[in-house]
C-alpha atoms as a PDB file:
ATOM      1  CA  MET A   1      33.721  15.410 131.368  1.00  0.00           C
ATOM      2  CA  GLN A   2      30.225  15.983 132.661  1.00  0.00           C
ATOM      3  CA  LEU A   3      28.867  19.451 133.488  1.00  0.00           C
ATOM      4  CA  PRO A   4      25.452  20.111 135.287  1.00  0.00           C
ATOM      5  CA  PHE A   5      22.981  22.368 133.635  1.00  0.00           C
ATOM      6  CA  HIS A   6      19.600  23.707 134.257  1.00  0.00           C
ATOM      7  CA  THR A   7      17.091  25.623 132.037  1.00  0.00           C
ATOM      8  CA  LEU A   8      14.741  28.252 133.316  1.00  0.00           C
ATOM      9  CA  ASP A   9      11.990  30.195 131.741  1.00  0.00           C
ATOM     10  CA  VAL A  10      12.573  33.993 132.629  1.00  0.00           C
ATOM     11  CA  PHE A  11      10.230  36.996 132.954  1.00  0.00           C
ATOM     12  CA  THR A  12       7.405  34.674 133.684  1.00  0.00           C
ATOM     13  CA  THR A  13       5.797  32.802 136.565  1.00  0.00           C
ATOM     14  CA  GLU A  14       4.772  29.844 134.178  1.00  0.00           C
ATOM     15  CA  ARG A  15       6.814  27.170 132.807  1.00  0.00           C
ATOM     16  CA  PHE A  16       6.919  27.293 128.945  1.00  0.00           C
ATOM     17  CA  GLY A  17       6.439  31.063 128.781  1.00  0.00           C
ATOM     18  CA  GLY A  18       8.907  33.858 129.004  1.00  0.00           C
ATOM     19  CA  ASN A  19      12.437  33.583 127.636  1.00  0.00           C
ATOM     20  CA  ALA A  20      14.265  30.267 127.895  1.00  0.00           C
ATOM     21  CA  LEU A  21      17.742  30.234 129.425  1.00  0.00           C
ATOM     22  CA  ALA A  22      20.352  27.527 129.814  1.00  0.00           C
ATOM     23  CA  VAL A  23      22.795  27.766 132.668  1.00  0.00           C
ATOM     24  CA  VAL A  24      25.859  25.539 132.591  1.00  0.00           C
ATOM     25  CA  LEU A  25      27.616  25.120 135.944  1.00  0.00           C
ATOM     26  CA  GLU A  26      31.247  24.326 136.748  1.00  0.00           C
ATOM     27  CA  ALA A  27      32.300  25.600 133.269  1.00  0.00           C
ATOM     28  CA  ASP A  28      35.804  26.705 134.211  1.00  0.00           C
ATOM     29  CA  GLY A  29      37.312  24.076 132.024  1.00  0.00           C
ATOM     30  CA  LEU A  30      35.575  25.223 128.837  1.00  0.00           C
ATOM     31  CA  THR A  31      37.205  27.346 126.100  1.00  0.00           C
ATOM     32  CA  PRO A  32      35.170  30.172 124.613  1.00  0.00           C
ATOM     33  CA  SER A  33      35.072  28.355 121.418  1.00  0.00           C
ATOM     34  CA  ARG A  34      33.466  25.330 123.274  1.00  0.00           C
ATOM     35  CA  MET A  35      31.053  27.590 125.135  1.00  0.00           C
ATOM     36  CA  GLN A  36      29.922  28.948 121.672  1.00  0.00           C
ATOM     37  CA  MET A  37      29.391  25.477 120.381  1.00  0.00           C
ATOM     38  CA  ILE A  38      27.287  24.457 123.468  1.00  0.00           C
ATOM     39  CA  ALA A  39      25.245  27.792 123.227  1.00  0.00           C
ATOM     40  CA  ARG A  40      24.588  26.833 119.476  1.00  0.00           C
ATOM     41  CA  GLU A  41      23.509  23.422 120.617  1.00  0.00           C
ATOM     42  CA  PHE A  42      21.022  24.732 123.065  1.00  0.00           C
ATOM     43  CA  ASN A  43      19.873  27.197 120.274  1.00  0.00           C
ATOM     44  CA  ILE A  44      17.926  29.517 122.561  1.00  0.00           C
ATOM     45  CA  SER A  45      18.325  33.196 123.006  1.00  0.00           C
ATOM     46  CA  GLU A  46      21.235  32.863 125.553  1.00  0.00           C
ATOM     47  CA  THR A  47      23.184  30.270 127.544  1.00  0.00           C
ATOM     48  CA  VAL A  48      25.073  31.206 130.617  1.00  0.00           C
ATOM     49  CA  PHE A  49      28.285  29.605 131.704  1.00  0.00           C
ATOM     50  CA  VAL A  50      29.056  29.829 135.370  1.00  0.00           C
ATOM     51  CA  LEU A  51      32.695  29.996 136.540  1.00  0.00           C
ATOM     52  CA  LYS A  52      34.506  30.603 139.808  1.00  0.00           C
ATOM     53  CA  ALA A  53      34.528  34.235 140.884  1.00  0.00           C
ATOM     54  CA  SER A  54      37.759  36.117 140.802  1.00  0.00           C
ATOM     55  CA  SER A  55      36.958  37.742 144.080  1.00  0.00           C
ATOM     56  CA  PRO A  56      35.981  35.856 147.126  1.00  0.00           C
ATOM     57  CA  GLY A  57      33.211  38.381 147.921  1.00  0.00           C
ATOM     58  CA  HIS A  58      31.465  37.619 144.688  1.00  0.00           C
ATOM     59  CA  SER A  59      29.114  34.831 143.954  1.00  0.00           C
ATOM     60  CA  ALA A  60      30.293  33.708 140.374  1.00  0.00           C
ATOM     61  CA  ARG A  61      31.769  34.775 137.171  1.00  0.00           C
ATOM     62  CA  VAL A  62      29.450  34.388 134.197  1.00  0.00           C
ATOM     63  CA  ARG A  63      29.857  34.491 130.536  1.00  0.00           C
ATOM     64  CA  ILE A  64      26.926  34.933 128.166  1.00  0.00           C
ATOM     65  CA  PHE A  65      26.510  33.522 124.646  1.00  0.00           C
ATOM     66  CA  THR A  66      23.763  33.817 122.128  1.00  0.00           C
ATOM     67  CA  PRO A  67      23.861  30.977 119.380  1.00  0.00           C
ATOM     68  CA  GLY A  68      26.013  33.202 117.369  1.00  0.00           C
ATOM     69  CA  ALA A  69      28.142  35.393 119.654  1.00  0.00           C
ATOM     70  CA  GLU A  70      29.220  36.254 123.182  1.00  0.00           C
ATOM     71  CA  VAL A  71      27.641  39.451 124.771  1.00  0.00           C
ATOM     72  CA  PRO A  72      28.980  41.310 127.666  1.00  0.00           C
ATOM     73  CA  PHE A  73      25.661  41.653 129.368  1.00  0.00           C
ATOM     74  CA  ALA A  74      21.939  40.588 129.115  1.00  0.00           C
ATOM     75  CA  GLY A  75      19.001  41.018 131.290  1.00  0.00           C
ATOM     76  CA  HIS A  76      17.353  37.679 131.276  1.00  0.00           C
ATOM     77  CA  PRO A  77      20.552  35.738 131.765  1.00  0.00           C
ATOM     78  CA  THR A  78      21.290  37.945 134.854  1.00  0.00           C
ATOM     79  CA  VAL A  79      17.844  37.340 136.345  1.00  0.00           C
ATOM     80  CA  GLY A  80      17.860  33.644 135.523  1.00  0.00           C
ATOM     81  CA  ALA A  81      21.310  32.930 136.616  1.00  0.00           C
ATOM     82  CA  ALA A  82      20.966  34.768 139.885  1.00  0.00           C
ATOM     83  CA  ALA A  83      17.552  33.144 140.660  1.00  0.00           C
ATOM     84  CA  LEU A  84      19.103  29.642 140.100  1.00  0.00           C
ATOM     85  CA  LEU A  85      22.260  30.307 142.082  1.00  0.00           C
ATOM     86  CA  ALA A  86      20.365  31.724 144.987  1.00  0.00           C
ATOM     87  CA  GLY A  87      18.011  28.753 144.905  1.00  0.00           C
ATOM     88  CA  LEU A  88      20.781  26.237 144.809  1.00  0.00           C
ATOM     89  CA  ARG A  89      22.602  28.032 147.632  1.00  0.00           C
ATOM     90  CA  THR A  90      19.635  28.065 150.028  1.00  0.00           C
ATOM     91  CA  GLN A  91      17.783  24.957 148.860  1.00  0.00           C
ATOM     92  CA  GLY A  92      16.095  23.184 151.695  1.00  0.00           C
ATOM     93  CA  GLY A  93      15.198  26.392 153.538  1.00  0.00           C
ATOM     94  CA  ASP A  94      11.675  27.034 154.643  1.00  0.00           C
ATOM     95  CA  GLY A  95       9.727  30.224 154.299  1.00  0.00           C
ATOM     96  CA  GLU A  96      10.509  33.401 152.264  1.00  0.00           C
ATOM     97  CA  ARG A  97      14.165  34.175 151.837  1.00  0.00           C
ATOM     98  CA  ASP A  98      16.154  37.115 150.362  1.00  0.00           C
ATOM     99  CA  ALA A  99      19.450  36.664 148.833  1.00  0.00           C
ATOM    100  CA  ILE A 100      22.077  38.982 147.136  1.00  0.00           C
ATOM    101  CA  VAL A 101      24.000  37.397 144.243  1.00  0.00           C
ATOM    102  CA  VAL A 102      27.070  39.211 142.940  1.00  0.00           C
ATOM    103  CA  LEU A 103      27.854  38.231 139.316  1.00  0.00           C
ATOM    104  CA  GLU A 104      31.194  39.121 137.441  1.00  0.00           C
ATOM    105  CA  GLN A 105      30.009  39.644 133.890  1.00  0.00           C
ATOM    106  CA  GLU A 106      32.112  41.062 130.910  1.00  0.00           C
ATOM    107  CA  ILE A 107      30.483  44.494 131.463  1.00  0.00           C
ATOM    108  CA  GLY A 108      31.414  44.530 135.213  1.00  0.00           C
ATOM    109  CA  VAL A 109      30.151  43.529 138.602  1.00  0.00           C
ATOM    110  CA  VAL A 110      26.260  43.135 138.751  1.00  0.00           C
ATOM    111  CA  ARG A 111      24.616  42.852 142.160  1.00  0.00           C
ATOM    112  CA  VAL A 112      21.207  41.043 141.983  1.00  0.00           C
ATOM    113  CA  GLY A 113      18.514  40.933 144.701  1.00  0.00           C
ATOM    114  CA  VAL A 114      16.597  37.711 144.753  1.00  0.00           C
ATOM    115  CA  ARG A 115      13.441  36.915 146.670  1.00  0.00           C
ATOM    116  CA  LEU A 116      12.531  33.198 147.176  1.00  0.00           C
ATOM    117  CA  LYS A 117       9.030  32.021 148.217  1.00  0.00           C
ATOM    118  CA  PRO A 118       8.011  28.347 148.734  1.00  0.00           C
ATOM    119  CA  ARG A 119       6.258  26.916 145.638  1.00  0.00           C
ATOM    120  CA  GLN A 120       6.490  30.235 143.819  1.00  0.00           C
ATOM    121  CA  ALA A 121       8.792  31.440 140.977  1.00  0.00           C
ATOM    122  CA  ALA A 122      11.784  33.286 142.168  1.00  0.00           C
ATOM    123  CA  PHE A 123      11.876  37.144 141.668  1.00  0.00           C
ATOM    124  CA  ALA A 124      15.242  38.845 140.896  1.00  0.00           C
ATOM    125  CA  GLU A 125      16.084  42.490 140.127  1.00  0.00           C
ATOM    126  CA  PHE A 126      19.182  44.518 139.454  1.00  0.00           C
ATOM    127  CA  ASP A 127      20.285  47.947 138.676  1.00  0.00           C
ATOM    128  CA  ALA A 128      21.641  48.119 135.108  1.00  0.00           C
ATOM    129  CA  PRO A 129      25.532  48.213 135.226  1.00  0.00           C
ATOM    130  CA  ARG A 130      25.589  50.947 132.525  1.00  0.00           C
ATOM    131  CA  LEU A 131      22.940  53.465 131.593  1.00  0.00           C
ATOM    132  CA  ALA A 132      22.073  53.683 127.994  1.00  0.00           C
ATOM    133  CA  VAL A 133      23.814  56.418 125.829  1.00  0.00           C
ATOM    134  CA  SER A 134      23.050  57.582 122.373  1.00  0.00           C
ATOM    135  CA  ASP A 135      24.948  55.685 119.635  1.00  0.00           C
ATOM    136  CA  GLY A 136      24.692  57.714 116.554  1.00  0.00           C
ATOM    137  CA  GLU A 137      21.843  58.538 114.201  1.00  0.00           C
ATOM    138  CA  PRO A 138      19.357  55.712 113.197  1.00  0.00           C
ATOM    139  CA  ALA A 139      18.631  54.808 109.675  1.00  0.00           C
ATOM    140  CA  HIS A 140      15.995  56.910 107.760  1.00  0.00           C
ATOM    141  CA  ILE A 141      12.503  55.754 108.543  1.00  0.00           C
ATOM    142  CA  ASP A 142      11.972  54.508 104.994  1.00  0.00           C
ATOM    143  CA  GLN A 143      14.956  52.179 105.364  1.00  0.00           C
ATOM    144  CA  LEU A 144      13.798  51.001 108.714  1.00  0.00           C
ATOM    145  CA  ALA A 145      10.283  50.428 107.390  1.00  0.00           C
ATOM    146  CA  ALA A 146      11.699  48.447 104.469  1.00  0.00           C
ATOM    147  CA  ALA A 147      13.822  46.292 106.924  1.00  0.00           C
ATOM    148  CA  LEU A 148      10.645  45.451 109.116  1.00  0.00           C
ATOM    149  CA  ASP A 149       8.138  45.104 106.252  1.00  0.00           C
ATOM    150  CA  LEU A 150       6.232  48.082 107.527  1.00  0.00           C
ATOM    151  CA  SER A 151       5.020  51.370 106.064  1.00  0.00           C
ATOM    152  CA  PRO A 152       6.875  54.554 107.163  1.00  0.00           C
ATOM    153  CA  SER A 153       3.652  55.738 108.686  1.00  0.00           C
ATOM    154  CA  ASP A 154       3.754  52.848 111.053  1.00  0.00           C
ATOM    155  CA  ILE A 155       6.973  54.181 112.724  1.00  0.00           C
ATOM    156  CA  GLY A 156       6.787  56.604 115.422  1.00  0.00           C
ATOM    157  CA  PHE A 157       4.120  57.741 117.956  1.00  0.00           C
ATOM    158  CA  GLU A 158       3.525  61.030 119.920  1.00  0.00           C
ATOM    159  CA  SER A 159       6.993  62.480 120.462  1.00  0.00           C
ATOM    160  CA  HIS A 160       8.847  59.185 120.109  1.00  0.00           C
ATOM    161  CA  ARG A 161      11.045  58.639 117.076  1.00  0.00           C
ATOM    162  CA  PRO A 162      13.724  55.993 116.196  1.00  0.00           C
ATOM    163  CA  MET A 163      17.023  56.096 118.169  1.00  0.00           C
ATOM    164  CA  ARG A 164      20.266  54.124 118.717  1.00  0.00           C
ATOM    165  CA  TYR A 165      21.306  53.294 122.213  1.00  0.00           C
ATOM    166  CA  GLN A 166      24.200  51.671 123.826  1.00  0.00           C
ATOM    167  CA  ALA A 167      24.088  50.020 127.304  1.00  0.00           C
ATOM    168  CA  GLY A 168      26.434  47.169 126.907  1.00  0.00           C
ATOM    169  CA  ASN A 169      24.499  45.888 124.060  1.00  0.00           C
ATOM    170  CA  GLY A 170      23.458  48.214 121.302  1.00  0.00           C
ATOM    171  CA  PHE A 171      19.883  48.442 119.885  1.00  0.00           C
ATOM    172  CA  ALA A 172      18.042  50.496 117.360  1.00  0.00           C
ATOM    173  CA  LEU A 173      14.849  51.446 119.166  1.00  0.00           C
ATOM    174  CA  VAL A 174      11.984  51.777 116.804  1.00  0.00           C
ATOM    175  CA  PRO A 175       8.615  53.169 118.198  1.00  0.00           C
ATOM    176  CA  ILE A 176       5.691  51.632 116.410  1.00  0.00           C
ATOM    177  CA  ALA A 177       2.345  53.435 116.168  1.00  0.00           C
ATOM    178  CA  THR A 178      -0.081  50.458 116.785  1.00  0.00           C
ATOM    179  CA  LEU A 179      -0.233  47.115 118.273  1.00  0.00           C
ATOM    180  CA  ALA A 180      -1.553  45.803 114.941  1.00  0.00           C
ATOM    181  CA  ALA A 181       1.522  47.327 113.088  1.00  0.00           C
ATOM    182  CA  ILE A 182       4.058  45.754 115.552  1.00  0.00           C
ATOM    183  CA  GLY A 183       2.357  42.468 115.124  1.00  0.00           C
ATOM    184  CA  ARG A 184       3.025  42.556 111.447  1.00  0.00           C
ATOM    185  CA  ALA A 185       6.720  43.395 111.682  1.00  0.00           C
ATOM    186  CA  ARG A 186       9.211  40.827 110.348  1.00  0.00           C
ATOM    187  CA  VAL A 187      12.798  40.728 109.261  1.00  0.00           C
ATOM    188  CA  VAL A 188      13.341  41.409 105.530  1.00  0.00           C
ATOM    189  CA  ALA A 189      16.762  40.148 105.092  1.00  0.00           C
ATOM    190  CA  HIS A 190      17.918  41.971 102.009  1.00  0.00           C
ATOM    191  CA  HIS A 191      17.061  45.437 103.678  1.00  0.00           C
ATOM    192  CA  TRP A 192      18.309  44.450 107.087  1.00  0.00           C
ATOM    193  CA  SER A 193      22.073  45.443 106.714  1.00  0.00           C
ATOM    194  CA  ALA A 194      21.478  48.709 105.226  1.00  0.00           C
ATOM    195  CA  ALA A 195      19.050  49.803 107.984  1.00  0.00           C
ATOM    196  CA  LEU A 196      20.269  47.864 111.026  1.00  0.00           C
ATOM    197  CA  GLY A 197      23.625  46.475 110.230  1.00  0.00           C
ATOM    198  CA  GLY A 198      27.211  47.654 111.330  1.00  0.00           C
ATOM    199  CA  GLY A 199      28.411  49.530 114.313  1.00  0.00           C
ATOM    200  CA  ASN A 200      27.606  48.235 117.836  1.00  0.00           C
ATOM    201  CA  ILE A 201      23.953  47.470 117.092  1.00  0.00           C
ATOM    202  CA  ILE A 202      22.954  43.880 117.652  1.00  0.00           C
ATOM    203  CA  GLY A 203      19.249  44.159 116.910  1.00  0.00           C
ATOM    204  CA  ALA A 204      16.203  46.167 116.529  1.00  0.00           C
ATOM    205  CA  TYR A 205      13.800  46.713 119.502  1.00  0.00           C
ATOM    206  CA  LEU A 206      10.254  47.661 118.462  1.00  0.00           C
ATOM    207  CA  TYR A 207       7.924  49.067 121.119  1.00  0.00           C
ATOM    208  CA  THR A 208       4.480  50.687 121.136  1.00  0.00           C
ATOM    209  CA  ARG A 209       2.223  52.235 123.791  1.00  0.00           C
ATOM    210  CA  GLN A 210      -0.756  49.896 122.856  1.00  0.00           C
ATOM    211  CA  THR A 211      -0.611  46.736 124.848  1.00  0.00           C
ATOM    212  CA  VAL A 212      -2.414  43.373 125.253  1.00  0.00           C
ATOM    213  CA  GLY A 213      -2.483  43.348 128.958  1.00  0.00           C
ATOM    214  CA  VAL A 214      -4.122  46.122 131.024  1.00  0.00           C
ATOM    215  CA  GLY A 215      -1.166  46.211 133.448  1.00  0.00           C
ATOM    216  CA  ALA A 216       1.560  46.834 130.902  1.00  0.00           C
ATOM    217  CA  ALA A 217       2.872  50.186 129.858  1.00  0.00           C
ATOM    218  CA  PHE A 218       4.618  49.017 126.518  1.00  0.00           C
ATOM    219  CA  HIS A 219       4.431  46.138 124.106  1.00  0.00           C
ATOM    220  CA  ALA A 220       7.764  45.195 122.518  1.00  0.00           C
ATOM    221  CA  ARG A 221       9.590  42.893 120.105  1.00  0.00           C
ATOM    222  CA  MET A 222      13.209  42.394 119.364  1.00  0.00           C
ATOM    223  CA  PHE A 223      14.854  41.019 116.326  1.00  0.00           C
ATOM    224  CA  ALA A 224      18.697  40.243 116.298  1.00  0.00           C
ATOM    225  CA  PRO A 225      19.433  37.945 113.313  1.00  0.00           C
ATOM    226  CA  ALA A 226      22.980  39.006 113.173  1.00  0.00           C
ATOM    227  CA  VAL A 227      23.807  37.081 116.552  1.00  0.00           C
ATOM    228  CA  GLY A 228      21.613  34.213 115.831  1.00  0.00           C
ATOM    229  CA  ILE A 229      18.341  35.340 117.487  1.00  0.00           C
ATOM    230  CA  ALA A 230      15.421  35.498 114.958  1.00  0.00           C
ATOM    231  CA  GLU A 231      13.142  36.947 117.642  1.00  0.00           C
ATOM    232  CA  ASP A 232      13.746  37.222 121.413  1.00  0.00           C
ATOM    233  CA  PRO A 233      10.851  36.596 123.765  1.00  0.00           C
ATOM    234  CA  ALA A 234      12.197  39.133 126.352  1.00  0.00           C
ATOM    235  CA  THR A 235      15.133  41.471 126.281  1.00  0.00           C
ATOM    236  CA  GLY A 236      16.167  43.122 129.571  1.00  0.00           C
ATOM    237  CA  SER A 237      19.290  44.807 128.106  1.00  0.00           C
ATOM    238  CA  ALA A 238      16.910  46.478 125.527  1.00  0.00           C
ATOM    239  CA  ALA A 239      14.650  47.599 128.280  1.00  0.00           C
ATOM    240  CA  VAL A 240      17.633  49.470 129.895  1.00  0.00           C
ATOM    241  CA  CYS A 241      17.660  51.425 126.525  1.00  0.00           C
ATOM    242  CA  LEU A 242      14.000  51.812 126.675  1.00  0.00           C
ATOM    243  CA  ALA A 243      14.539  53.658 129.920  1.00  0.00           C
ATOM    244  CA  ALA A 244      16.665  56.246 128.117  1.00  0.00           C
ATOM    245  CA  ALA A 245      13.978  56.714 125.563  1.00  0.00           C
ATOM    246  CA  ILE A 246      11.138  57.186 128.039  1.00  0.00           C
ATOM    247  CA  HIS A 247      13.326  59.781 129.939  1.00  0.00           C
ATOM    248  CA  ARG A 248      14.135  61.479 126.575  1.00  0.00           C
ATOM    249  CA  PHE A 249      10.604  61.609 125.104  1.00  0.00           C
ATOM    250  CA  ASP A 250       8.178  61.360 128.028  1.00  0.00           C
ATOM    251  CA  LYS A 251      10.154  63.604 130.486  1.00  0.00           C
ATOM    252  CA  PRO A 252       8.795  62.061 133.729  1.00  0.00           C
ATOM    253  CA  ALA A 253       8.964  63.948 136.838  1.00  0.00           C
ATOM    254  CA  ASP A 254      11.541  63.225 139.623  1.00  0.00           C
ATOM    255  CA  GLY A 255      10.975  60.171 141.649  1.00  0.00           C
ATOM    256  CA  LEU A 256      10.926  56.382 141.068  1.00  0.00           C
ATOM    257  CA  ARG A 257       8.753  55.596 137.928  1.00  0.00           C
ATOM    258  CA  ARG A 258       7.792  51.996 137.472  1.00  0.00           C
ATOM    259  CA  CYS A 259       6.347  50.321 134.342  1.00  0.00           C
ATOM    260  CA  VAL A 260       5.785  46.767 132.846  1.00  0.00           C
ATOM    261  CA  ILE A 261       6.975  45.887 129.489  1.00  0.00           C
ATOM    262  CA  GLU A 262       5.130  42.912 127.719  1.00  0.00           C
ATOM    263  CA  GLN A 263       7.090  40.955 125.136  1.00  0.00           C
ATOM    264  CA  GLY A 264       7.027  37.514 123.403  1.00  0.00           C
ATOM    265  CA  TYR A 265       3.273  37.481 122.794  1.00  0.00           C
ATOM    266  CA  GLU A 266       3.645  36.979 119.046  1.00  0.00           C
ATOM    267  CA  MET A 267       5.856  33.976 119.753  1.00  0.00           C
ATOM    268  CA  GLY A 268       3.577  32.325 122.287  1.00  0.00           C
ATOM    269  CA  ARG A 269       6.073  33.092 124.980  1.00  0.00           C
ATOM    270  CA  PRO A 270       4.386  35.861 126.853  1.00  0.00           C
ATOM    271  CA  SER A 271       6.946  37.772 129.147  1.00  0.00           C
ATOM    272  CA  LEU A 272       6.797  40.623 131.654  1.00  0.00           C
ATOM    273  CA  ILE A 273       9.678  42.854 132.376  1.00  0.00           C
ATOM    274  CA  GLU A 274       9.504  45.171 135.328  1.00  0.00           C
ATOM    275  CA  LEU A 275      11.318  48.483 134.565  1.00  0.00           C
ATOM    276  CA  ALA A 276      11.985  51.205 137.322  1.00  0.00           C
ATOM    277  CA  LEU A 277      13.544  54.571 136.307  1.00  0.00           C
ATOM    278  CA  ASP A 278      14.985  56.724 139.130  1.00  0.00           C
ATOM    279  CA  ILE A 279      14.747  60.292 138.113  1.00  0.00           C
ATOM    280  CA  ARG A 280      16.707  62.895 140.006  1.00  0.00           C
ATOM    281  CA  ARG A 281      16.828  66.664 139.146  1.00  0.00           C
ATOM    282  CA  GLY A 282      15.380  65.846 135.600  1.00  0.00           C
ATOM    283  CA  GLU A 283      18.216  63.267 134.965  1.00  0.00           C
ATOM    284  CA  LEU A 284      18.007  59.474 134.696  1.00  0.00           C
ATOM    285  CA  ALA A 285      20.116  58.276 137.788  1.00  0.00           C
ATOM    286  CA  SER A 286      19.438  54.524 137.450  1.00  0.00           C
ATOM    287  CA  ALA A 287      17.533  51.955 135.610  1.00  0.00           C
ATOM    288  CA  ARG A 288      16.317  48.713 137.311  1.00  0.00           C
ATOM    289  CA  ILE A 289      15.183  45.545 135.649  1.00  0.00           C
ATOM    290  CA  GLY A 290      13.250  42.888 137.513  1.00  0.00           C
ATOM    291  CA  GLY A 291      11.277  39.740 136.759  1.00  0.00           C
ATOM    292  CA  HIS A 292      10.423  36.165 137.738  1.00  0.00           C
ATOM    293  CA  ALA A 293      12.222  32.877 136.716  1.00  0.00           C
ATOM    294  CA  VAL A 294      11.067  29.378 137.117  1.00  0.00           C
ATOM    295  CA  ARG A 295      13.085  26.218 136.789  1.00  0.00           C
ATOM    296  CA  VAL A 296      12.161  23.815 133.922  1.00  0.00           C
ATOM    297  CA  MET A 297      14.826  21.105 133.273  1.00  0.00           C
ATOM    298  CA  SER A 298      18.266  19.941 134.674  1.00  0.00           C
ATOM    299  CA  GLY A 299      20.745  17.350 133.485  1.00  0.00           C
ATOM    300  CA  VAL A 300      24.337  16.897 132.505  1.00  0.00           C
ATOM    301  CA  ILE A 301      26.248  17.755 129.448  1.00  0.00           C
ATOM    302  CA  GLU A 302      28.984  15.409 128.113  1.00  0.00           C
ATOM    303  CA  VAL A 303      31.879  17.565 127.068  1.00  0.00           C
END
């Protein structure tokens, strides 16, 4: 059996930047164990498998795998898969086109708006299917610092302090004082489990207010060795959790608040995630994730 696949770079307008994604089409005949093997073979942050939708009003059902595990939801697979499916569905059209792609994910149904322009990277955005909620107390700062090869004084800035959040995927959010400190961070394996193992946490999301680009509001890194991701170039699902931290610690006024998160710079894969917070009566009503995606390769897999 031969299955078509495409790869895309997501949260970037340039090939060979952003976060690489593989999308395998016509995957209904694959077992979950086979999907996991294929994801391990691609060995990038995530691989999406596209299946027939269970509802005729939906575009597709998708399953998302890291090299080590299936996840119920992820940001860059949602953006990339929707951009690809919209492009394939409308290929041959001239001029700017808008499309709605409705994806059935393990977390639920996710509606994605896609904007297609000739000779430009597609842009896709979606409302997070689940807002982040607190997921218990984080490890002590000394433990977090040891797991990340940092000093305790490197952790925290302004009112921001470490938190654990769950929004389909769970993350330990670790605010870092400076750009220099976040650049030094690395996984220290023999301290990792004590500080960041167990529960629903799949990785540590580090962020700082200091940035490389003048248009960005935060600089981020994400480590998830437990699911086979040494470091992720762009993490949309963690950005959903960051929205909760921004709401908690920065207390933005009511209205739509937009910001850009830069990630992947330490890996040579610069990525830009657009995050929008809708604040109503002091509460976080929704979080929206957006970004570009550009196609890189296509082919067939012999299964």
